[in-house]
Amino acid sequence: MDSGNKNRNWTFSEGGYFKETYRIDAVSKEADGKYSLVIIAQIHGRLTDEQRNLIGQKDNNAAPIL
């Protein structure tokens, strides 16, 4: 972890560990009676400037990987 540096924390080869306990008390339902989707956590990657420019992304935030 390189605190304060959003471009370098850990890589896939180094791995990472995330453990948490969540409690969801209620989930809303859609008009069709099905439960809404719930996202409880996201892990985003960072694009290098070269990757960002290659795909035309406006910033260095990559799509969620988890």
Protein backbone atom coordinates (compact mmCIF):
# COMPACT_ATOMS: atom_id res chain seq x y z
CA MET A 1 0.00 0.00 0.00
CA ASP A 2 1.30 3.38 -0.94
CA SER A 3 -0.89 5.74 1.07
CA GLY A 4 -1.89 8.82 -0.86
CA ASN A 5 -0.93 7.34 -4.22
CA LYS A 6 -4.07 6.27 -6.10
CA ASN A 7 -1.97 4.82 -8.92
CA ARG A 8 -0.20 2.16 -6.87
CA ASN A 9 -1.65 0.06 -4.10
CA TRP A 10 -1.47 -3.61 -5.06
CA THR A 11 -1.31 -5.64 -8.23
CA PHE A 12 -3.02 -8.87 -9.22
CA SER A 13 0.28 -10.73 -8.92
CA GLU A 14 0.79 -9.40 -5.38
CA GLY A 15 -2.78 -10.20 -4.49
CA GLY A 16 -5.01 -8.63 -1.95
CA TYR A 17 -7.30 -9.62 0.88
CA PHE A 18 -10.73 -8.18 1.56
CA LYS A 19 -12.95 -9.45 4.32
CA GLU A 20 -16.02 -7.76 5.70
CA THR A 21 -19.37 -8.58 7.22
CA TYR A 22 -22.48 -6.83 5.96
CA ARG A 23 -26.04 -6.73 7.13
CA ILE A 24 -28.82 -5.69 4.81
CA ASP A 25 -32.01 -4.94 6.69
CA ALA A 26 -34.24 -4.37 3.68
CA VAL A 27 -34.18 -4.43 -0.12
CA SER A 28 -36.73 -2.58 -2.20
CA LYS A 29 -38.80 -4.27 -4.87
CA GLU A 30 -39.31 -3.15 -8.44
CA ALA A 31 -42.73 -2.54 -9.99
CA ASP A 32 -42.78 -6.15 -11.25
CA GLY A 33 -42.36 -7.46 -7.68
CA LYS A 34 -38.75 -8.60 -8.12
CA TYR A 35 -36.14 -7.47 -5.60
CA SER A 36 -33.81 -4.67 -6.70
CA LEU A 37 -30.13 -5.42 -7.25
CA VAL A 38 -27.80 -4.56 -4.38
CA ILE A 39 -24.11 -3.73 -4.65
CA ILE A 40 -22.34 -4.05 -1.33
CA ALA A 41 -18.73 -3.47 -2.38
CA GLN A 42 -16.69 -2.61 -5.45
CA ILE A 43 -12.99 -2.82 -6.11
CA HIS A 44 -11.80 -0.61 -8.94
CA GLY A 45 -8.54 -0.77 -10.81
CA ARG A 46 -6.52 2.17 -12.10
CA LEU A 47 -5.59 2.71 -15.71
CA THR A 48 -2.19 3.94 -16.74
CA ASP A 49 -2.22 7.11 -18.82
CA GLU A 50 -1.40 4.99 -21.88
CA GLN A 51 -4.34 2.64 -21.22
CA ARG A 52 -6.68 5.59 -20.60
CA ASN A 53 -5.71 7.27 -23.85
CA LEU A 54 -5.95 4.02 -25.82
CA ILE A 55 -9.59 3.44 -24.88
CA GLY A 56 -10.58 7.11 -24.75
CA GLN A 57 -11.48 7.09 -21.06
CA LYS A 58 -11.86 10.55 -19.47
CA ASP A 59 -9.99 9.60 -16.28
CA ASN A 60 -7.77 6.84 -14.87
CA ASN A 61 -10.54 4.97 -13.06
CA ALA A 62 -11.02 1.49 -14.47
CA ALA A 63 -14.25 -0.46 -14.36
CA PRO A 64 -14.90 -2.49 -11.19
CA ILE A 65 -13.00 -5.79 -11.09
CA LEU A 66 -15.11 -7.30 -8.35
